[in-house]
């Protein structure tokens, strides 16, 4: 089956679209990437999304309009990715996350039998699936996080289930480390591809988000990211600051756990800049220090929460292109080989989009898509809401 996967991550760089051919069932999958592309948002829309992520107020009418605008951009991406390719029969759309609140420990309402209840998490992805289905004429599955949250899960990360199906190695323990705006890991214990043994996963902390915000700050908005890590590579990280920032509660919280721009935000960066004032750091030193925070938080997370360090780390996401970040991570994990997923046959640029194509395929097959040991859900459930394609195209 030809399936399109769509996602825009916490960096809000644009919509990643992957057209894939998926065959097989359950963990026994054959996935071939036919086409992948990133479609940038119109700049005004991107700035509006970033403002909402930073808590800018908006009315319900404005929220509805933003939801529809994002859906239209996702639909355009789905149509464009099929150019010169066989038509897709299904779309899996993650949408654009604008708010994510992990489950809380407080009792939010009494249970009828008197048991204490932990407050459910909340996660909002804009770009509603029914609009995408209507504009493309293709059945679209969206809102993948909701079902996991409803059974007590974090709603994220969801990709480790797909990593286990596509990237497990028979002899090597692997970590698949996505570095988008936020970093997340899947730990794949060695075994056959259909092995149902331990797969662990959680959000490790900031990926590119603080680095990108700092680049925009120091460049006066003329740059949006540190290409290849070349700016940070000219600086010297301040280890004292990294150690100070690692005392933040999130880094010591045991999995399952998830996070987002709600924590690692522009306000968080401003506090980091205030902390750095005592050290008189140059812009390049500050970028090197924030890059070190990302690398060190990944290393710290592995050493704190994994049963053993991996034989290989497979990087994906935009941060996998940051050569300085990769070098810093390799230095902190000297006995582990740091690669990208490209080097083992799976696109590092479009792996997340591929994952949501697979999750949509599983939903059509009635295969649960979450891993309770990763998200903290009480059970495995079907993920995603199904919106039937109409006959009215774009």
Protein backbone atom coordinates (compact mmCIF):
# COMPACT_ATOMS: atom_id res chain seq x y z
CA UNK A 1 0.00 0.00 0.00
CA UNK A 2 1.23 3.49 -0.83
CA UNK A 3 0.93 5.69 2.25
CA UNK A 4 1.89 9.30 2.97
CA UNK A 5 3.30 10.31 6.35
CA UNK A 6 3.19 13.96 7.40
CA UNK A 7 4.70 15.75 10.40
CA UNK A 8 5.96 19.14 11.46
CA UNK A 9 8.11 18.96 14.55
CA UNK A 10 8.85 21.26 17.46
CA UNK A 11 11.36 23.23 15.39
CA UNK A 12 8.45 24.31 13.12
CA UNK A 13 10.81 24.24 10.13
CA UNK A 14 8.14 22.98 7.77
CA UNK A 15 6.12 19.90 6.88
CA UNK A 16 8.08 16.69 6.31
CA UNK A 17 6.26 14.48 3.84
CA UNK A 18 7.17 10.88 2.97
CA UNK A 19 5.49 8.71 0.37
CA UNK A 20 6.21 5.09 1.20
CA UNK A 21 5.28 1.65 0.01
CA UNK A 22 4.32 -0.46 3.02
CA UNK A 23 3.76 -4.22 2.96
CA UNK A 24 3.45 -6.94 5.57
CA UNK A 25 1.71 -6.94 8.92
CA UNK A 26 2.52 -6.12 12.52
CA UNK A 27 6.27 -6.11 13.18
CA UNK A 28 6.93 -7.95 9.91
CA UNK A 29 7.06 -4.90 7.66
CA UNK A 30 8.72 -3.97 4.41
CA UNK A 31 8.90 -0.20 4.00
CA UNK A 32 10.31 1.55 0.94
CA UNK A 33 10.66 5.33 0.72
CA UNK A 34 9.44 6.45 -2.70
CA UNK A 35 9.70 10.21 -2.17
CA UNK A 36 10.50 12.59 0.66
CA UNK A 37 10.43 16.37 0.83
CA UNK A 38 10.09 19.22 3.31
CA UNK A 39 7.58 21.94 2.50
CA UNK A 40 8.25 25.18 4.43
CA UNK A 41 5.36 27.03 5.99
CA UNK A 42 4.60 30.52 4.69
CA UNK A 43 6.66 32.72 7.01
CA UNK A 44 3.67 34.53 8.49
CA UNK A 45 2.05 31.21 9.37
CA UNK A 46 5.29 29.89 10.88
CA UNK A 47 5.62 32.96 13.06
CA UNK A 48 2.01 32.59 14.21
CA UNK A 49 2.62 28.94 15.16
CA UNK A 50 5.76 29.87 17.09
CA UNK A 51 3.86 32.63 18.88
CA UNK A 52 1.12 30.21 19.92
CA UNK A 53 3.75 27.73 21.13
CA UNK A 54 5.15 30.58 23.23
CA UNK A 55 1.74 31.15 24.88
CA UNK A 56 0.48 34.03 22.73
CA UNK A 57 -3.27 34.38 23.39
CA UNK A 58 -5.78 33.85 20.60
CA UNK A 59 -9.55 33.61 20.36
CA UNK A 60 -11.42 30.42 19.56
CA UNK A 61 -12.15 31.79 16.08
CA UNK A 62 -8.43 32.47 15.57
CA UNK A 63 -7.61 28.97 16.81
CA UNK A 64 -10.07 27.45 14.34
CA UNK A 65 -8.61 29.49 11.49
CA UNK A 66 -5.07 28.48 12.44
CA UNK A 67 -6.13 24.82 12.61
CA UNK A 68 -7.55 25.07 9.09
CA UNK A 69 -4.56 26.97 7.68
CA UNK A 70 -2.17 24.30 8.94
CA UNK A 71 -4.42 21.55 7.56
CA UNK A 72 -4.40 23.22 4.14
CA UNK A 73 -0.59 23.32 4.16
CA UNK A 74 -0.48 19.65 5.13
CA UNK A 75 -2.90 18.82 2.31
CA UNK A 76 -0.75 20.74 -0.19
CA UNK A 77 2.29 18.76 0.97
CA UNK A 78 0.39 15.48 0.55
CA UNK A 79 -0.62 16.41 -2.99
CA UNK A 80 2.85 17.67 -3.93
CA UNK A 81 4.71 14.59 -2.69
CA UNK A 82 2.72 12.40 -5.12
CA UNK A 83 3.93 14.32 -8.20
CA UNK A 84 5.38 11.77 -10.62
CA UNK A 85 4.65 8.97 -8.15
CA UNK A 86 1.95 6.32 -7.78
CA UNK A 87 -1.09 7.72 -5.93
CA UNK A 88 -1.41 7.16 -2.20
CA UNK A 89 -4.36 5.35 -0.65
CA UNK A 90 -3.82 6.54 2.91
CA UNK A 91 -2.37 9.50 4.82
CA UNK A 92 -1.02 9.46 8.37
CA UNK A 93 -0.74 13.02 9.68
CA UNK A 94 0.82 13.85 13.03
CA UNK A 95 -0.03 17.53 12.62
CA UNK A 96 1.69 20.45 14.32
CA UNK A 97 2.09 20.27 18.08
CA UNK A 98 1.33 23.62 19.73
CA UNK A 99 0.87 22.41 23.31
CA UNK A 100 1.90 19.33 25.25
CA UNK A 101 1.26 18.69 28.94
CA UNK A 102 2.44 15.34 30.35
CA UNK A 103 0.21 13.51 32.84
CA UNK A 104 0.25 15.02 36.33
CA UNK A 105 0.28 13.42 39.75
CA UNK A 106 -2.54 15.55 41.13
CA UNK A 107 -6.08 14.16 41.54
CA UNK A 108 -8.20 15.98 39.03
CA UNK A 109 -11.53 14.39 39.85
CA UNK A 110 -12.77 11.62 42.16
CA UNK A 111 -13.21 8.11 40.81
CA UNK A 112 -16.66 6.60 41.57
CA UNK A 113 -15.08 3.85 43.70
CA UNK A 114 -12.87 6.30 45.60
CA UNK A 115 -9.54 5.40 43.96
CA UNK A 116 -7.13 8.30 43.45
CA UNK A 117 -6.68 9.33 39.84
CA UNK A 118 -3.68 10.91 38.16
CA UNK A 119 -4.66 13.78 35.89
CA UNK A 120 -4.54 12.84 32.22
CA UNK A 121 -2.04 14.48 29.95
CA UNK A 122 -3.08 16.87 27.21
CA UNK A 123 -1.57 17.30 23.77
CA UNK A 124 -2.82 19.50 20.94
CA UNK A 125 -1.81 18.97 17.33
CA UNK A 126 -3.27 21.39 14.80
CA UNK A 127 -3.98 20.56 11.15
CA UNK A 128 -7.20 18.61 11.46
CA UNK A 129 -7.38 15.36 9.59
CA UNK A 130 -10.90 15.82 8.26
CA UNK A 131 -9.76 18.88 6.28
CA UNK A 132 -6.77 17.00 4.85
CA UNK A 133 -9.04 14.11 3.84
CA UNK A 134 -11.52 16.53 2.25
CA UNK A 135 -8.89 18.44 0.27
CA UNK A 136 -6.91 15.42 -0.92
CA UNK A 137 -9.73 12.90 -1.30
CA UNK A 138 -7.52 10.41 0.57
CA UNK A 139 -8.50 8.70 3.82
CA UNK A 140 -6.51 10.43 6.54
CA UNK A 141 -5.65 9.27 10.03
CA UNK A 142 -4.75 11.95 12.56
CA UNK A 143 -4.69 12.72 16.32
CA UNK A 144 -2.44 9.76 17.06
CA UNK A 145 -1.63 10.84 20.61
CA UNK A 146 -5.17 11.04 21.97
CA UNK A 147 -5.88 7.33 22.41
CA UNK A 148 -2.64 6.75 24.31
CA UNK A 149 -3.34 9.72 26.58
CA UNK A 150 -6.86 8.41 27.25
CA UNK A 151 -5.39 5.27 28.85
CA UNK A 152 -2.96 7.20 31.02
CA UNK A 153 -0.02 7.56 28.64
CA UNK A 154 2.17 10.52 27.80
CA UNK A 155 1.04 10.45 24.18
CA UNK A 156 4.74 10.51 23.23
CA UNK A 157 7.11 9.35 22.03
CA UNK A 158 5.23 7.16 19.54
CA UNK A 159 8.03 6.44 17.06
CA UNK A 160 9.90 3.77 19.14
CA UNK A 161 7.35 1.13 18.07
CA UNK A 162 8.28 1.75 14.43
CA UNK A 163 11.99 1.90 15.26
CA UNK A 164 11.65 -1.55 16.82
CA UNK A 165 10.04 -2.89 13.65
CA UNK A 166 12.53 -1.35 11.22
CA UNK A 167 15.86 -0.89 13.01
CA UNK A 168 16.36 -3.67 15.54
CA UNK A 169 19.64 -5.55 15.04
CA UNK A 170 20.07 -9.28 15.73
CA UNK A 171 23.34 -8.83 17.70
CA UNK A 172 23.77 -5.14 18.55
CA UNK A 173 21.93 -3.07 21.14
CA UNK A 174 20.92 0.17 19.48
CA UNK A 175 19.66 3.58 20.51
CA UNK A 176 17.76 5.46 17.82
CA UNK A 177 18.19 9.10 18.83
CA UNK A 178 15.98 11.64 17.15
CA UNK A 179 17.25 15.21 17.48
CA UNK A 180 14.49 17.54 16.37
CA UNK A 181 13.49 20.54 18.44
CA UNK A 182 13.25 18.06 21.30
CA UNK A 183 15.39 14.92 21.57
CA UNK A 184 13.89 11.47 22.03
CA UNK A 185 15.38 7.99 22.16
CA UNK A 186 14.30 4.44 21.42
CA UNK A 187 16.43 1.69 22.98
CA UNK A 188 16.29 -1.52 20.93
CA UNK A 189 17.67 -4.59 22.63
CA UNK A 190 19.37 -6.95 20.19
CA UNK A 191 17.10 -9.57 18.65
CA UNK A 192 15.32 -10.63 15.49
CA UNK A 193 13.10 -8.06 13.76
CA UNK A 194 10.00 -9.83 15.09
CA UNK A 195 11.49 -9.94 18.59
CA UNK A 196 8.97 -8.71 21.15
CA UNK A 197 11.51 -8.08 23.92
CA UNK A 198 12.34 -4.80 25.61
CA UNK A 199 11.98 -1.55 23.69
CA UNK A 200 12.41 1.53 25.83
CA UNK A 201 11.92 5.16 24.90
CA UNK A 202 11.44 8.67 26.23
CA UNK A 203 12.19 12.32 25.54
CA UNK A 204 15.79 13.11 26.49
CA UNK A 205 15.40 16.90 26.63
CA UNK A 206 16.32 19.75 24.29
CA UNK A 207 17.47 18.83 20.82
CA UNK A 208 17.86 21.82 18.52
CA UNK A 209 15.32 24.15 20.12
CA UNK A 210 17.61 26.11 22.44
CA UNK A 211 20.43 26.18 19.87
CA UNK A 212 18.06 27.51 17.19
CA UNK A 213 16.63 30.16 19.50
CA UNK A 214 20.14 31.27 20.46
CA UNK A 215 21.23 31.48 16.81
CA UNK A 216 18.23 33.69 16.06
CA UNK A 217 19.06 35.82 19.10
CA UNK A 218 22.74 36.30 18.31
CA UNK A 219 22.21 36.80 14.56
CA UNK A 220 19.43 39.34 15.01
CA UNK A 221 17.03 37.00 13.25
CA UNK A 222 19.12 36.64 10.08
CA UNK A 223 19.86 32.96 10.81
CA UNK A 224 17.52 30.29 12.15
CA UNK A 225 19.93 27.43 12.90
CA UNK A 226 23.64 26.61 13.24
CA UNK A 227 24.44 24.94 9.93
CA UNK A 228 26.63 21.86 10.55
CA UNK A 229 27.29 23.24 14.04
CA UNK A 230 29.99 25.41 12.48
CA UNK A 231 29.31 28.48 14.67
CA UNK A 232 29.31 26.48 17.92
CA UNK A 233 32.46 24.65 16.80
CA UNK A 234 34.42 27.91 17.03
CA UNK A 235 33.51 28.33 20.71
CA UNK A 236 34.37 26.61 23.98
CA UNK A 237 31.63 25.04 26.10
CA UNK A 238 31.30 26.13 29.70
CA UNK A 239 31.09 22.87 31.62
CA UNK A 240 30.06 24.58 34.86
CA UNK A 241 26.92 25.93 33.17
CA UNK A 242 26.10 22.56 31.62
CA UNK A 243 26.35 20.91 35.02
CA UNK A 244 24.17 23.62 36.54
CA UNK A 245 21.48 23.25 33.87
CA UNK A 246 21.49 19.46 34.20
CA UNK A 247 20.19 19.84 37.75
CA UNK A 248 16.82 20.73 36.22
CA UNK A 249 14.17 18.26 37.43
CA UNK A 250 13.25 16.93 33.98
CA UNK A 251 16.68 15.40 33.40
CA UNK A 252 16.42 13.34 36.60
CA UNK A 253 12.79 12.28 36.14
CA UNK A 254 12.58 8.56 35.41
CA UNK A 255 10.79 7.47 32.21
CA UNK A 256 8.17 7.39 30.90
CA UNK A 257 8.47 11.09 30.24
CA UNK A 258 7.89 13.63 27.49
CA UNK A 259 8.45 17.34 27.08
CA UNK A 260 8.29 20.17 24.58
CA UNK A 261 8.54 23.91 24.03
CA UNK A 262 6.40 24.41 27.12
CA UNK A 263 9.56 23.73 29.14
CA UNK A 264 12.46 24.32 26.76
CA UNK A 265 11.22 27.66 25.51
CA UNK A 266 12.46 31.16 24.76
CA UNK A 267 11.95 31.94 28.46
CA UNK A 268 14.19 28.95 29.30
CA UNK A 269 16.86 30.30 26.93
CA UNK A 270 16.62 33.72 28.56
CA UNK A 271 17.31 32.13 31.94
CA UNK A 272 20.30 30.35 30.41
CA UNK A 273 21.59 33.66 29.07
CA UNK A 274 21.18 35.21 32.51
CA UNK A 275 23.12 32.33 34.06
CA UNK A 276 25.86 32.77 31.45
CA UNK A 277 26.33 36.47 32.18
CA UNK A 278 28.58 35.60 35.12
CA UNK A 279 30.97 33.78 32.77
CA UNK A 280 31.24 36.52 30.12
CA UNK A 281 30.71 34.09 27.24
CA UNK A 282 30.95 35.08 23.59
CA UNK A 283 28.08 34.10 21.26
CA UNK A 284 30.11 31.16 19.94
CA UNK A 285 30.90 30.02 23.49
CA UNK A 286 27.20 30.21 24.37
CA UNK A 287 26.26 28.16 21.30
CA UNK A 288 28.96 25.62 22.12
CA UNK A 289 27.58 25.40 25.68
CA UNK A 290 23.97 24.89 24.52
CA UNK A 291 25.15 22.25 22.05
CA UNK A 292 27.04 20.59 24.90
CA UNK A 293 23.82 20.60 26.95
CA UNK A 294 22.05 18.63 24.21
CA UNK A 295 24.89 16.11 23.90
CA UNK A 296 25.36 15.79 27.65
CA UNK A 297 21.64 15.42 28.36
CA UNK A 298 21.52 12.51 25.88
CA UNK A 299 24.58 10.89 27.45
CA UNK A 300 23.21 11.50 30.96
CA UNK A 301 19.85 10.00 30.00
CA UNK A 302 21.48 6.82 28.67
CA UNK A 303 23.67 6.37 31.72
CA UNK A 304 20.83 7.01 34.15
CA UNK A 305 17.99 5.05 32.59
CA UNK A 306 19.27 2.37 30.20
CA UNK A 307 20.09 -1.16 31.37
CA UNK A 308 23.40 -0.85 29.50
CA UNK A 309 25.02 1.57 27.07
CA UNK A 310 24.25 0.81 23.42
CA UNK A 311 26.65 -0.62 20.89
CA UNK A 312 25.39 1.89 18.33
CA UNK A 313 23.57 5.21 18.38
CA UNK A 314 21.63 5.96 15.20
CA UNK A 315 20.93 9.67 14.81
CA UNK A 316 18.03 11.13 12.87
CA UNK A 317 16.21 14.45 12.61
CA UNK A 318 17.72 17.84 11.84
CA UNK A 319 20.29 17.53 14.61
CA UNK A 320 21.87 14.55 12.86
CA UNK A 321 23.30 17.10 10.36
CA UNK A 322 25.03 19.03 13.14
CA UNK A 323 28.56 17.67 12.82
CA UNK A 324 29.78 19.42 15.96
CA UNK A 325 26.92 17.98 18.03
CA UNK A 326 27.64 14.51 16.65
CA UNK A 327 31.33 14.92 17.52
CA UNK A 328 30.49 15.98 21.09
CA UNK A 329 28.14 13.04 21.56
CA UNK A 330 30.72 10.59 20.20
CA UNK A 331 33.31 11.97 22.62
CA UNK A 332 30.96 11.37 25.55
CA UNK A 333 30.18 7.81 24.38
CA UNK A 334 33.66 6.60 23.37
CA UNK A 335 32.78 2.88 23.30
CA UNK A 336 29.62 3.42 21.25
CA UNK A 337 29.56 3.92 17.49
CA UNK A 338 27.58 7.03 16.55
CA UNK A 339 26.01 6.80 13.07
CA UNK A 340 22.96 8.17 11.30
CA UNK A 341 19.98 6.06 10.28
CA UNK A 342 20.96 6.79 6.65
CA UNK A 343 24.01 4.60 7.22
CA UNK A 344 21.77 1.63 8.05
CA UNK A 345 19.28 2.21 5.24
CA UNK A 346 16.56 4.47 6.69
CA UNK A 347 16.33 8.17 5.82
CA UNK A 348 17.35 10.35 8.76
CA UNK A 349 15.53 13.33 7.25
CA UNK A 350 12.17 11.61 6.83
CA UNK A 351 12.17 8.87 9.44
CA UNK A 352 9.54 10.61 11.57
CA UNK A 353 7.25 11.09 8.56
CA UNK A 354 7.80 7.46 7.58
CA UNK A 355 6.81 6.47 11.13
CA UNK A 356 3.41 8.16 10.86
CA UNK A 357 2.79 6.50 7.52
CA UNK A 358 3.41 3.17 9.28
CA UNK A 359 1.19 4.14 12.23
CA UNK A 360 -1.62 4.93 9.78
CA UNK A 361 -1.06 1.58 8.07
CA UNK A 362 -1.22 -0.19 11.44
CA UNK A 363 -4.44 1.66 12.27
CA UNK A 364 -6.00 0.35 9.07
CA UNK A 365 -4.84 -3.16 10.03
CA UNK A 366 -6.21 -2.79 13.58
CA UNK A 367 -2.70 -3.13 15.02
CA UNK A 368 -2.06 -1.19 18.27
CA UNK A 369 0.58 1.49 17.69
CA UNK A 370 1.73 2.51 21.17
CA UNK A 371 4.21 0.82 23.48
CA UNK A 372 2.91 1.08 27.08
CA UNK A 373 6.41 0.66 28.52
CA UNK A 374 7.44 3.76 26.55
CA UNK A 375 4.43 6.05 27.01
CA UNK A 376 3.24 4.84 30.40
CA UNK A 377 -0.18 3.85 29.05
CA UNK A 378 -2.07 1.13 30.87
CA UNK A 379 -2.43 -0.93 27.70
CA UNK A 380 -1.72 -1.05 23.98
CA UNK A 381 -4.41 0.66 21.91
CA UNK A 382 -5.23 1.59 18.33
CA UNK A 383 -3.89 5.05 17.56
CA UNK A 384 -5.48 7.72 15.41
CA UNK A 385 -8.86 8.95 14.24
CA UNK A 386 -9.97 7.88 10.77
CA UNK A 387 -11.36 10.46 8.34
CA UNK A 388 -12.66 8.99 5.11
CA UNK A 389 -11.50 10.66 1.91
CA UNK A 390 -14.11 12.58 -0.04
CA UNK A 391 -14.48 12.77 -3.79
CA UNK A 392 -13.72 16.49 -3.69
CA UNK A 393 -10.03 17.11 -4.31
CA UNK A 394 -8.02 20.27 -3.80
